[in-house]
PDB file of N, CA and C in Angstrom:
ATOM      1  N   UNK A   1    -169.103 -92.606 -29.509  1.00  0.00           N
ATOM      2  CA  UNK A   1    -168.154 -92.619 -28.423  1.00  0.00           C
ATOM      3  C   UNK A   1    -167.682 -94.062 -28.195  1.00  0.00           C
ATOM      4  N   UNK A   2    -166.424 -94.212 -27.912  1.00  0.00           N
ATOM      5  CA  UNK A   2    -165.815 -95.521 -27.768  1.00  0.00           C
ATOM      6  C   UNK A   2    -166.070 -96.088 -26.374  1.00  0.00           C
ATOM      7  N   UNK A   3    -166.355 -97.351 -26.304  1.00  0.00           N
ATOM      8  CA  UNK A   3    -166.567 -98.021 -25.025  1.00  0.00           C
ATOM      9  C   UNK A   3    -165.227 -98.509 -24.471  1.00  0.00           C
ATOM     10  N   UNK A   4    -165.083 -98.533 -23.153  1.00  0.00           N
ATOM     11  CA  UNK A   4    -163.882 -99.056 -22.526  1.00  0.00           C
ATOM     12  C   UNK A   4    -162.831 -97.986 -22.291  1.00  0.00           C
ATOM     13  N   UNK A   5    -161.665 -98.467 -21.911  1.00  0.00           N
ATOM     14  CA  UNK A   5    -160.562 -97.575 -21.573  1.00  0.00           C
ATOM     15  C   UNK A   5    -159.686 -97.317 -22.786  1.00  0.00           C
ATOM     16  N   UNK A   6    -159.029 -96.179 -22.746  1.00  0.00           N
ATOM     17  CA  UNK A   6    -158.028 -95.862 -23.756  1.00  0.00           C
ATOM     18  C   UNK A   6    -156.824 -96.779 -23.540  1.00  0.00           C
ATOM     19  N   UNK A   7    -156.156 -97.168 -24.603  1.00  0.00           N
ATOM     20  CA  UNK A   7    -155.042 -98.111 -24.476  1.00  0.00           C
ATOM     21  C   UNK A   7    -153.871 -97.515 -23.696  1.00  0.00           C
ATOM     22  N   UNK A   8    -153.653 -96.203 -23.795  1.00  0.00           N
ATOM     23  CA  UNK A   8    -152.569 -95.577 -23.034  1.00  0.00           C
ATOM     24  C   UNK A   8    -152.852 -95.610 -21.535  1.00  0.00           C
ATOM     25  N   UNK A   9    -154.087 -95.356 -21.168  1.00  0.00           N
ATOM     26  CA  UNK A   9    -154.451 -95.386 -19.753  1.00  0.00           C
ATOM     27  C   UNK A   9    -154.348 -96.807 -19.211  1.00  0.00           C
ATOM     28  N   UNK A  10    -154.770 -97.760 -20.011  1.00  0.00           N
ATOM     29  CA  UNK A  10    -154.688 -99.166 -19.610  1.00  0.00           C
ATOM     30  C   UNK A  10    -153.233 -99.582 -19.389  1.00  0.00           C
ATOM     31  N   UNK A  11    -152.360 -99.163 -20.291  1.00  0.00           N
ATOM     32  CA  UNK A  11    -150.932 -99.483 -20.162  1.00  0.00           C
ATOM     33  C   UNK A  11    -150.318 -98.793 -18.941  1.00  0.00           C
ATOM     34  N   UNK A  12    -150.726 -97.555 -18.667  1.00  0.00           N
ATOM     35  CA  UNK A  12    -150.213 -96.814 -17.520  1.00  0.00           C
ATOM     36  C   UNK A  12    -150.633 -97.484 -16.209  1.00  0.00           C
ATOM     37  N   UNK A  13    -151.912 -97.854 -16.087  1.00  0.00           N
ATOM     38  CA  UNK A  13    -152.365 -98.534 -14.875  1.00  0.00           C
ATOM     39  C   UNK A  13    -151.741 -99.912 -14.736  1.00  0.00           C
ATOM     40  N   UNK A  14    -151.472-100.560 -15.839  1.00  0.00           N
ATOM     41  CA  UNK A  14    -150.791-101.844 -15.794  1.00  0.00           C
ATOM     42  C   UNK A  14    -149.373-101.688 -15.242  1.00  0.00           C
ATOM     43  N   UNK A  15    -148.679-100.629 -15.653  1.00  0.00           N
ATOM     44  CA  UNK A  15    -147.343-100.356 -15.114  1.00  0.00           C
ATOM     45  C   UNK A  15    -147.402-100.080 -13.615  1.00  0.00           C
ATOM     46  N   UNK A  16    -148.406 -99.315 -13.192  1.00  0.00           N
ATOM     47  CA  UNK A  16    -148.553 -99.001 -11.773  1.00  0.00           C
ATOM     48  C   UNK A  16    -148.787-100.277 -10.969  1.00  0.00           C
ATOM     49  N   UNK A  17    -149.723-101.107 -11.413  1.00  0.00           N
ATOM     50  CA  UNK A  17    -150.025-102.342 -10.682  1.00  0.00           C
ATOM     51  C   UNK A  17    -148.848-103.307 -10.672  1.00  0.00           C
ATOM     52  N   UNK A  18    -148.152-103.420 -11.789  1.00  0.00           N
ATOM     53  CA  UNK A  18    -146.972-104.290 -11.827  1.00  0.00           C
ATOM     54  C   UNK A  18    -145.869-103.781 -10.905  1.00  0.00           C
ATOM     55  N   UNK A  19    -145.662-102.484 -10.861  1.00  0.00           N
ATOM     56  CA  UNK A  19    -144.631-101.915  -9.995  1.00  0.00           C
ATOM     57  C   UNK A  19    -144.947-102.151  -8.528  1.00  0.00           C
ATOM     58  N   UNK A  20    -146.195-101.893  -8.155  1.00  0.00           N
ATOM     59  CA  UNK A  20    -146.593-102.087  -6.762  1.00  0.00           C
ATOM     60  C   UNK A  20    -146.519-103.558  -6.373  1.00  0.00           C
ATOM     61  N   UNK A  21    -146.997-104.433  -7.236  1.00  0.00           N
ATOM     62  CA  UNK A  21    -146.996-105.852  -6.893  1.00  0.00           C
ATOM     63  C   UNK A  21    -145.575-106.423  -6.797  1.00  0.00           C
ATOM     64  N   UNK A  22    -144.694-106.011  -7.684  1.00  0.00           N
ATOM     65  CA  UNK A  22    -143.313-106.503  -7.597  1.00  0.00           C
ATOM     66  C   UNK A  22    -142.595-105.974  -6.351  1.00  0.00           C
ATOM     67  N   UNK A  23    -142.831-104.716  -6.014  1.00  0.00           N
ATOM     68  CA  UNK A  23    -142.208-104.151  -4.817  1.00  0.00           C
ATOM     69  C   UNK A  23    -142.732-104.838  -3.556  1.00  0.00           C
ATOM     70  N   UNK A  24    -144.031-105.095  -3.496  1.00  0.00           N
ATOM     71  CA  UNK A  24    -144.590-105.795  -2.337  1.00  0.00           C
ATOM     72  C   UNK A  24    -144.104-107.239  -2.270  1.00  0.00           C
ATOM     73  N   UNK A  25    -144.000-107.891  -3.411  1.00  0.00           N
ATOM     74  CA  UNK A  25    -143.491-109.257  -3.435  1.00  0.00           C
ATOM     75  C   UNK A  25    -142.057-109.312  -2.924  1.00  0.00           C
ATOM     76  N   UNK A  26    -141.236-108.363  -3.353  1.00  0.00           N
ATOM     77  CA  UNK A  26    -139.851-108.330  -2.875  1.00  0.00           C
ATOM     78  C   UNK A  26    -139.811-108.083  -1.365  1.00  0.00           C
ATOM     79  N   UNK A  27    -140.608-107.125  -0.895  1.00  0.00           N
ATOM     80  CA  UNK A  27    -140.609-106.796   0.529  1.00  0.00           C
ATOM     81  C   UNK A  27    -141.095-107.980   1.377  1.00  0.00           C
ATOM     82  N   UNK A  28    -142.133-108.648   0.927  1.00  0.00           N
ATOM     83  CA  UNK A  28    -142.631-109.805   1.672  1.00  0.00           C
ATOM     84  C   UNK A  28    -141.623-110.955   1.668  1.00  0.00           C
ATOM     85  N   UNK A  29    -140.969-111.182   0.560  1.00  0.00           N
ATOM     86  CA  UNK A  29    -139.963-112.251   0.495  1.00  0.00           C
ATOM     87  C   UNK A  29    -138.775-111.937   1.405  1.00  0.00           C
ATOM     88  N   UNK A  30    -138.323-110.688   1.398  1.00  0.00           N
ATOM     89  CA  UNK A  30    -137.193-110.312   2.252  1.00  0.00           C
ATOM     90  C   UNK A  30    -137.580-110.372   3.724  1.00  0.00           C
ATOM     91  N   UNK A  31    -138.782-109.914   4.049  1.00  0.00           N
ATOM     92  CA  UNK A  31    -139.223-109.955   5.448  1.00  0.00           C
ATOM     93  C   UNK A  31    -139.425-111.389   5.913  1.00  0.00           C
ATOM     94  N   UNK A  32    -139.969-112.229   5.053  1.00  0.00           N
ATOM     95  CA  UNK A  32    -140.167-113.632   5.423  1.00  0.00           C
ATOM     96  C   UNK A  32    -138.828-114.321   5.662  1.00  0.00           C
ATOM     97  N   UNK A  33    -137.899-114.115   4.764  1.00  0.00           N
ATOM     98  CA  UNK A  33    -136.587-114.739   4.930  1.00  0.00           C
ATOM     99  C   UNK A  33    -135.853-114.167   6.147  1.00  0.00           C
ATOM    100  N   UNK A  34    -135.997-112.880   6.371  1.00  0.00           N
ATOM    101  CA  UNK A  34    -135.277-112.250   7.471  1.00  0.00           C
ATOM    102  C   UNK A  34    -135.858-112.541   8.841  1.00  0.00           C
ATOM    103  N   UNK A  35    -137.184-112.576   8.943  1.00  0.00           N
ATOM    104  CA  UNK A  35    -137.815-112.756  10.250  1.00  0.00           C
ATOM    105  C   UNK A  35    -138.177-114.218  10.512  1.00  0.00           C
ATOM    106  N   UNK A  36    -138.924-114.819   9.601  1.00  0.00           N
ATOM    107  CA  UNK A  36    -139.409-116.177   9.834  1.00  0.00           C
ATOM    108  C   UNK A  36    -138.267-117.184   9.871  1.00  0.00           C
ATOM    109  N   UNK A  37    -137.359-117.080   8.926  1.00  0.00           N
ATOM    110  CA  UNK A  37    -136.220-117.995   8.894  1.00  0.00           C
ATOM    111  C   UNK A  37    -135.038-117.486   9.712  1.00  0.00           C
ATOM    112  N   UNK A  38    -135.195-116.361  10.365  1.00  0.00           N
ATOM    113  CA  UNK A  38    -134.203-115.752  11.269  1.00  0.00           C
ATOM    114  C   UNK A  38    -132.850-115.539  10.593  1.00  0.00           C
ATOM    115  N   UNK A  39    -132.902-115.057   9.363  1.00  0.00           N
ATOM    116  CA  UNK A  39    -131.669-114.759   8.644  1.00  0.00           C
ATOM    117  C   UNK A  39    -131.276-113.288   8.776  1.00  0.00           C
ATOM    118  N   UNK A  40    -132.135-112.465   9.330  1.00  0.00           N
ATOM    119  CA  UNK A  40    -131.886-111.032   9.425  1.00  0.00           C
ATOM    120  C   UNK A  40    -130.939-110.643  10.542  1.00  0.00           C
ATOM    121  N   UNK A  41    -130.676-111.548  11.457  1.00  0.00           N
ATOM    122  CA  UNK A  41    -129.773-111.244  12.558  1.00  0.00           C
ATOM    123  C   UNK A  41    -128.943-112.480  12.887  1.00  0.00           C
ATOM    124  N   UNK A  42    -127.790-112.231  13.436  1.00  0.00           N
ATOM    125  CA  UNK A  42    -126.900-113.328  13.810  1.00  0.00           C
ATOM    126  C   UNK A  42    -127.367-113.864  15.161  1.00  0.00           C
ATOM    127  N   UNK A  43    -127.691-115.116  15.200  1.00  0.00           N
ATOM    128  CA  UNK A  43    -128.181-115.737  16.434  1.00  0.00           C
ATOM    129  C   UNK A  43    -127.664-117.149  16.524  1.00  0.00           C
ATOM    130  N   UNK A  44    -128.580-118.082  16.413  1.00  0.00           N
ATOM    131  CA  UNK A  44    -128.208-119.485  16.523  1.00  0.00           C
ATOM    132  C   UNK A  44    -127.550-120.017  15.248  1.00  0.00           C
ATOM    133  N   UNK A  45    -127.711-119.291  14.149  1.00  0.00           N
ATOM    134  CA  UNK A  45    -127.113-119.723  12.877  1.00  0.00           C
ATOM    135  C   UNK A  45    -125.753-119.041  12.685  1.00  0.00           C
ATOM    136  N   UNK A  46    -124.904-119.610  11.865  1.00  0.00           N
ATOM    137  CA  UNK A  46    -123.624-118.948  11.581  1.00  0.00           C
ATOM    138  C   UNK A  46    -123.823-117.583  10.917  1.00  0.00           C
ATOM    139  N   UNK A  47    -122.895-116.696  11.148  1.00  0.00           N
ATOM    140  CA  UNK A  47    -122.973-115.328  10.643  1.00  0.00           C
ATOM    141  C   UNK A  47    -122.930-115.292   9.116  1.00  0.00           C
ATOM    142  N   UNK A  48    -122.347-116.292   8.500  1.00  0.00           N
ATOM    143  CA  UNK A  48    -122.231-116.300   7.041  1.00  0.00           C
ATOM    144  C   UNK A  48    -123.614-116.323   6.390  1.00  0.00           C
ATOM    145  N   UNK A  49    -124.598-116.969   7.005  1.00  0.00           N
ATOM    146  CA  UNK A  49    -125.957-116.976   6.448  1.00  0.00           C
ATOM    147  C   UNK A  49    -126.577-115.588   6.486  1.00  0.00           C
ATOM    148  N   UNK A  50    -126.311-114.844   7.540  1.00  0.00           N
ATOM    149  CA  UNK A  50    -126.810-113.472   7.640  1.00  0.00           C
ATOM    150  C   UNK A  50    -126.167-112.586   6.580  1.00  0.00           C
ATOM    151  N   UNK A  51    -124.882-112.748   6.389  1.00  0.00           N
ATOM    152  CA  UNK A  51    -124.171-111.955   5.379  1.00  0.00           C
ATOM    153  C   UNK A  51    -124.696-112.283   3.982  1.00  0.00           C
ATOM    154  N   UNK A  52    -124.870-113.570   3.689  1.00  0.00           N
ATOM    155  CA  UNK A  52    -125.396-113.974   2.388  1.00  0.00           C
ATOM    156  C   UNK A  52    -126.799-113.436   2.190  1.00  0.00           C
ATOM    157  N   UNK A  53    -127.619-113.469   3.245  1.00  0.00           N
ATOM    158  CA  UNK A  53    -128.982-112.948   3.149  1.00  0.00           C
ATOM    159  C   UNK A  53    -128.975-111.472   2.766  1.00  0.00           C
ATOM    160  N   UNK A  54    -128.151-110.674   3.429  1.00  0.00           N
ATOM    161  CA  UNK A  54    -128.126-109.240   3.122  1.00  0.00           C
ATOM    162  C   UNK A  54    -127.531-108.951   1.746  1.00  0.00           C
ATOM    163  N   UNK A  55    -126.583-109.731   1.306  1.00  0.00           N
ATOM    164  CA  UNK A  55    -126.029-109.552  -0.037  1.00  0.00           C
ATOM    165  C   UNK A  55    -127.085-109.873  -1.088  1.00  0.00           C
ATOM    166  N   UNK A  56    -127.792-110.989  -0.913  1.00  0.00           N
ATOM    167  CA  UNK A  56    -128.835-111.367  -1.862  1.00  0.00           C
ATOM    168  C   UNK A  56    -129.972-110.349  -1.844  1.00  0.00           C
ATOM    169  N   UNK A  57    -130.346-109.867  -0.652  1.00  0.00           N
ATOM    170  CA  UNK A  57    -131.409-108.869  -0.555  1.00  0.00           C
ATOM    171  C   UNK A  57    -131.006-107.574  -1.268  1.00  0.00           C
ATOM    172  N   UNK A  58    -129.771-107.149  -1.102  1.00  0.00           N
ATOM    173  CA  UNK A  58    -129.311-105.928  -1.761  1.00  0.00           C
ATOM    174  C   UNK A  58    -129.246-106.106  -3.275  1.00  0.00           C
ATOM    175  N   UNK A  59    -128.771-107.254  -3.740  1.00  0.00           N
ATOM    176  CA  UNK A  59    -128.690-107.499  -5.187  1.00  0.00           C
ATOM    177  C   UNK A  59    -130.076-107.580  -5.816  1.00  0.00           C
ATOM    178  N   UNK A  60    -131.003-108.244  -5.150  1.00  0.00           N
ATOM    179  CA  UNK A  60    -132.346-108.329  -5.716  1.00  0.00           C
ATOM    180  C   UNK A  60    -133.057-106.974  -5.666  1.00  0.00           C
ATOM    181  N   UNK A  61    -132.792-106.174  -4.652  1.00  0.00           N
ATOM    182  CA  UNK A  61    -133.358-104.824  -4.608  1.00  0.00           C
ATOM    183  C   UNK A  61    -132.796-103.974  -5.738  1.00  0.00           C
ATOM    184  N   UNK A  62    -131.503-104.097  -5.989  1.00  0.00           N
ATOM    185  CA  UNK A  62    -130.891-103.388  -7.103  1.00  0.00           C
ATOM    186  C   UNK A  62    -131.520-103.824  -8.429  1.00  0.00           C
ATOM    187  N   UNK A  63    -131.731-105.128  -8.601  1.00  0.00           N
ATOM    188  CA  UNK A  63    -132.362-105.628  -9.810  1.00  0.00           C
ATOM    189  C   UNK A  63    -133.789-105.134  -9.964  1.00  0.00           C
ATOM    190  N   UNK A  64    -134.528-105.077  -8.858  1.00  0.00           N
ATOM    191  CA  UNK A  64    -135.898-104.569  -8.901  1.00  0.00           C
ATOM    192  C   UNK A  64    -135.927-103.100  -9.280  1.00  0.00           C
ATOM    193  N   UNK A  65    -135.061-102.310  -8.687  1.00  0.00           N
ATOM    194  CA  UNK A  65    -135.011-100.876  -9.002  1.00  0.00           C
ATOM    195  C   UNK A  65    -134.612-100.671 -10.461  1.00  0.00           C
ATOM    196  N   UNK A  66    -133.662-101.449 -10.933  1.00  0.00           N
ATOM    197  CA  UNK A  66    -133.237-101.339 -12.331  1.00  0.00           C
ATOM    198  C   UNK A  66    -134.377-101.708 -13.280  1.00  0.00           C
ATOM    199  N   UNK A  67    -135.103-102.771 -12.960  1.00  0.00           N
ATOM    200  CA  UNK A  67    -136.243-103.175 -13.788  1.00  0.00           C
ATOM    201  C   UNK A  67    -137.322-102.096 -13.791  1.00  0.00           C
ATOM    202  N   UNK A  68    -137.630-101.549 -12.627  1.00  0.00           N
ATOM    203  CA  UNK A  68    -138.655-100.507 -12.548  1.00  0.00           C
ATOM    204  C   UNK A  68    -138.218 -99.246 -13.280  1.00  0.00           C
ATOM    205  N   UNK A  69    -136.949 -98.902 -13.190  1.00  0.00           N
ATOM    206  CA  UNK A  69    -136.436 -97.721 -13.901  1.00  0.00           C
ATOM    207  C   UNK A  69    -136.584 -97.913 -15.412  1.00  0.00           C
ATOM    208  N   UNK A  70    -136.210 -99.091 -15.909  1.00  0.00           N
ATOM    209  CA  UNK A  70    -136.320 -99.345 -17.354  1.00  0.00           C
ATOM    210  C   UNK A  70    -137.786 -99.385 -17.793  1.00  0.00           C
ATOM    211  N   UNK A  71    -138.634 -99.919 -16.947  1.00  0.00           N
ATOM    212  CA  UNK A  71    -140.057 -99.985 -17.281  1.00  0.00           C
ATOM    213  C   UNK A  71    -140.659 -98.592 -17.393  1.00  0.00           C
ATOM    214  N   UNK A  72    -140.336 -97.731 -16.447  1.00  0.00           N
ATOM    215  CA  UNK A  72    -140.926 -96.394 -16.445  1.00  0.00           C
ATOM    216  C   UNK A  72    -140.223 -95.436 -17.396  1.00  0.00           C
ATOM    217  N   UNK A  73    -138.978 -95.730 -17.768  1.00  0.00           N
ATOM    218  CA  UNK A  73    -138.251 -94.871 -18.691  1.00  0.00           C
ATOM    219  C   UNK A  73    -138.810 -94.983 -20.102  1.00  0.00           C
ATOM    220  N   UNK A  74    -139.240 -96.174 -20.484  1.00  0.00           N
ATOM    221  CA  UNK A  74    -139.772 -96.409 -21.831  1.00  0.00           C
ATOM    222  C   UNK A  74    -141.246 -96.049 -21.894  1.00  0.00           C
ATOM    223  N   UNK A  75    -141.555 -94.823 -21.667  1.00  0.00           N
ATOM    224  CA  UNK A  75    -142.958 -94.380 -21.670  1.00  0.00           C
ATOM    225  C   UNK A  75    -143.361 -93.824 -22.949  1.00  0.00           C
TER     226      UNK A  75
END
């Protein structure tokens, strides 16, 4: 009997961990920029910074979803 994990199972769990970690990293970065740096709402800063923040957040979310789709499609 072989010791250790099967290579397919190892690759599958690696995909799961990478997907979760990238999604959490994106969420934490967006929340930090939106709340801590107060870019999520128009206040004391010009509105253009809020607009740029939401555009960048949407583009990076699109890129993350596209990357995850390609990663999981090639199974």
